[in-house]
Amino acid sequence: MTGVSMSSPKSDLPVQGERIELGDDSVAWWPCHIGSESVVGKNCSIGALAHIGGEVVIGDGCRIQGGAYIADGSIIGARVFIGPNATILNDRYPPSGDASLWKPVSICDDAVIGGGSTVVAGVAIGRGAVIAAGATATKDVPDDEVWAGVPATYLMSRQEYEARRGADE
C-alpha cells in the first residue's frame, strides 16, 4: 500500500490548515473564504473550508465550524455556534441572479445551528434557539426553542435541551 503517513507528511503537501489571525482575538483556519465588507467580531473562530459571503456581520464570540456556508448579507449575533456543513441561504428561489431579491437570514445571540442543517432565506432564528443537526428551518424560530426535522418543527424548550445535554438516555 502506498500513501502519505500523516505522522510525517511530505513538506510540499498542503495537508494542514494555517491559522490566520483576524485581530481582536479572532481566528480563521485556512483555507476558508471571508467575503468583502464582512465584519467578524471579537473572539471568534472560523473553521477551514467555511464560506462567509460578502457583507456578513458576525457578532462577538461566535464559533463557525468547518464547511459552513453563510450567504451574503447574513447577520449573526453574539456567541452563536454554527456546526460543520451548516448552510445559511439568502435566495429563496435560486438562482435569482438579482441581489435585490435576496432575503438574508438573521440569527440572534446565543443560538445554535446544528451540523448539516439549513436555514432558508429570510428566516429569523431567535435568541437562544437551537436548530437540530440536519434540520431545515423554513420559517422563523422563536427565542429559546429547539426545532428539528425537515421541515423543522418545535421539539422542546431550550431549558429542556440544556437539561438533557448532560443526561444519559
Protein backbone atom coordinates (compact mmCIF):
# COMPACT_ATOMS: atom_id res chain seq x y z
CA MET A 1 0.00 0.00 0.00
CA THR A 2 1.36 3.42 -0.90
CA GLY A 3 0.42 6.78 0.51
CA VAL A 4 1.47 9.54 2.83
CA SER A 5 1.76 8.99 6.55
CA MET A 6 0.03 11.79 8.44
CA SER A 7 2.60 11.47 11.20
CA SER A 8 5.28 12.64 8.78
CA PRO A 9 3.66 14.27 5.72
CA LYS A 10 5.69 15.43 2.78
CA SER A 11 6.51 19.08 3.30
CA ASP A 12 5.09 20.11 -0.10
CA LEU A 13 1.60 18.72 0.55
CA PRO A 14 -0.98 21.17 2.00
CA VAL A 15 -2.45 18.69 4.49
CA GLN A 16 -2.73 21.03 7.43
CA GLY A 17 -4.63 24.29 7.67
CA GLU A 18 -2.99 27.53 8.58
CA ARG A 19 -4.14 29.70 11.47
CA ILE A 20 -4.95 33.21 10.26
CA GLU A 21 -5.20 35.88 12.94
CA LEU A 22 -8.08 38.25 12.18
CA GLY A 23 -7.44 40.63 15.09
CA ASP A 24 -9.40 41.12 18.31
CA ASP A 25 -8.59 37.50 19.31
CA SER A 26 -10.46 36.10 16.29
CA VAL A 27 -9.04 33.40 14.07
CA ALA A 28 -9.86 31.69 10.77
CA TRP A 29 -8.40 28.40 9.62
CA TRP A 30 -7.20 28.46 6.03
CA PRO A 31 -8.49 27.50 3.57
CA CYS A 32 -11.69 29.43 4.07
CA HIS A 33 -13.37 32.43 2.45
CA ILE A 34 -14.46 35.64 4.13
CA GLY A 35 -16.21 37.95 1.68
CA SER A 36 -15.64 41.63 1.15
CA GLU A 37 -17.15 44.09 3.60
CA SER A 38 -17.86 41.33 6.12
CA VAL A 39 -17.31 42.10 9.79
CA VAL A 40 -16.08 39.47 12.26
CA GLY A 41 -16.49 40.27 15.95
CA LYS A 42 -14.04 39.70 18.79
CA ASN A 43 -13.01 36.23 19.96
CA CYS A 44 -14.49 34.35 17.00
CA SER A 45 -13.29 31.16 15.30
CA ILE A 46 -14.00 30.28 11.67
CA GLY A 47 -13.17 26.73 10.59
CA ALA A 48 -11.41 25.51 7.48
CA LEU A 49 -13.47 25.33 4.30
CA ALA A 50 -16.09 27.71 5.70
CA HIS A 51 -17.52 30.21 3.23
CA ILE A 52 -18.58 33.55 4.68
CA GLY A 53 -20.24 35.67 2.00
CA GLY A 54 -19.92 39.40 1.48
CA GLU A 55 -21.41 41.96 3.85
CA VAL A 56 -21.95 39.37 6.58
CA VAL A 57 -21.94 40.61 10.18
CA ILE A 58 -20.72 38.14 12.81
CA GLY A 59 -21.04 39.11 16.47
CA ASP A 60 -18.51 38.55 19.24
CA GLY A 61 -17.68 35.06 20.49
CA CYS A 62 -19.07 33.08 17.55
CA ARG A 63 -17.85 29.62 16.57
CA ILE A 64 -18.32 28.70 12.92
CA GLN A 65 -17.24 25.15 12.15
CA GLY A 66 -15.56 23.86 9.02
CA GLY A 67 -17.54 23.62 5.81
CA ALA A 68 -20.25 26.02 6.93
CA TYR A 69 -21.77 28.23 4.21
CA ILE A 70 -23.10 31.65 5.18
CA ALA A 71 -24.68 33.62 2.34
CA ASP A 72 -24.13 37.30 1.61
CA GLY A 73 -25.84 39.76 3.93
CA SER A 74 -26.47 37.34 6.81
CA ILE A 75 -26.49 38.81 10.31
CA ILE A 76 -25.22 36.62 13.13
CA GLY A 77 -25.50 37.71 16.74
CA ALA A 78 -23.02 37.15 19.57
CA ARG A 79 -21.99 33.72 20.90
CA VAL A 80 -23.67 31.85 18.05
CA PHE A 81 -22.47 28.32 17.27
CA ILE A 82 -22.77 27.16 13.65
CA GLY A 83 -21.97 23.48 13.21
CA PRO A 84 -19.98 21.82 10.44
CA ASN A 85 -21.52 21.95 6.97
CA ALA A 86 -24.46 24.08 8.08
CA THR A 87 -25.93 26.19 5.29
CA ILE A 88 -27.36 29.69 5.71
CA LEU A 89 -29.11 30.79 2.50
CA ASN A 90 -30.29 34.16 1.16
CA ASP A 91 -32.05 33.33 -2.12
CA ARG A 92 -35.42 31.63 -1.70
CA TYR A 93 -35.81 30.91 -5.42
CA PRO A 94 -32.28 30.38 -6.75
CA PRO A 95 -30.64 31.32 -8.88
CA SER A 96 -32.23 34.75 -8.97
CA GLY A 97 -29.01 36.49 -10.03
CA ASP A 98 -30.51 39.64 -8.54
CA ALA A 99 -29.27 40.67 -5.10
CA SER A 100 -32.31 42.94 -4.66
CA LEU A 101 -34.42 39.77 -4.38
CA TRP A 102 -32.26 38.19 -1.67
CA LYS A 103 -33.65 37.80 1.84
CA PRO A 104 -30.75 37.41 4.25
CA VAL A 105 -31.06 35.32 7.40
CA SER A 106 -30.71 36.79 10.89
CA ILE A 107 -29.54 34.67 13.79
CA CYS A 108 -29.90 36.17 17.28
CA ASP A 109 -27.46 35.91 20.19
CA ASP A 110 -26.72 32.53 21.79
CA ALA A 111 -28.38 30.47 19.03
CA VAL A 112 -27.10 27.06 17.93
CA ILE A 113 -27.25 25.96 14.30
CA GLY A 114 -26.53 22.23 14.20
CA GLY A 115 -24.19 20.49 11.80
CA GLY A 116 -25.60 19.81 8.35
CA SER A 117 -28.67 21.95 8.96
CA THR A 118 -30.09 24.53 6.58
CA VAL A 119 -31.65 27.90 7.31
CA VAL A 120 -33.72 29.05 4.34
CA ALA A 121 -33.56 32.61 3.03
CA GLY A 122 -35.38 35.24 5.06
CA VAL A 123 -35.75 33.13 8.21
CA ALA A 124 -35.04 34.67 11.62
CA ILE A 125 -33.60 32.44 14.33
CA GLY A 126 -34.49 33.71 17.82
CA ARG A 127 -32.24 34.37 20.78
CA GLY A 128 -31.07 31.09 22.33
CA ALA A 129 -32.89 29.00 19.70
CA VAL A 130 -31.46 25.66 18.54
CA ILE A 131 -31.76 24.19 15.06
CA ALA A 132 -31.00 20.46 15.34
CA ALA A 133 -28.38 18.75 13.22
CA GLY A 134 -29.72 18.03 9.75
CA ALA A 135 -32.87 20.14 10.21
CA THR A 136 -34.21 22.62 7.67
CA ALA A 137 -35.61 25.84 9.14
CA THR A 138 -38.18 27.16 6.66
CA LYS A 139 -39.87 29.68 8.96
CA ASP A 140 -38.93 31.93 11.86
CA VAL A 141 -37.91 30.15 15.06
CA PRO A 142 -38.87 31.85 18.35
CA ASP A 143 -36.46 32.58 21.19
CA ASP A 144 -35.33 29.65 23.36
CA GLU A 145 -36.97 26.91 21.28
CA VAL A 146 -35.39 23.78 19.80
CA TRP A 147 -36.55 22.80 16.33
CA ALA A 148 -35.75 19.61 14.44
CA GLY A 149 -36.74 17.79 11.25
CA VAL A 150 -37.35 18.60 7.61
CA PRO A 151 -39.06 20.97 7.60
CA ALA A 152 -38.09 21.89 11.16
CA THR A 153 -40.83 21.94 13.79
CA TYR A 154 -40.87 22.60 17.52
CA LEU A 155 -39.23 19.83 19.54
CA MET A 156 -38.68 21.23 23.05
CA SER A 157 -37.70 24.32 25.00
CA ARG A 158 -34.07 25.40 25.32
CA GLN A 159 -34.39 24.75 29.05
CA GLU A 160 -35.33 21.09 28.37
CA TYR A 161 -32.49 20.85 25.85
CA GLU A 162 -29.94 22.11 28.37
CA ALA A 163 -31.25 19.65 30.98
CA ARG A 164 -30.79 16.75 28.52
CA ARG A 165 -27.31 17.76 27.30
CA GLY A 166 -25.53 16.06 30.18
CA ALA A 167 -28.06 13.29 30.83
CA ASP A 168 -27.54 9.74 29.59
CA GLU A 169 -30.58 8.33 27.87
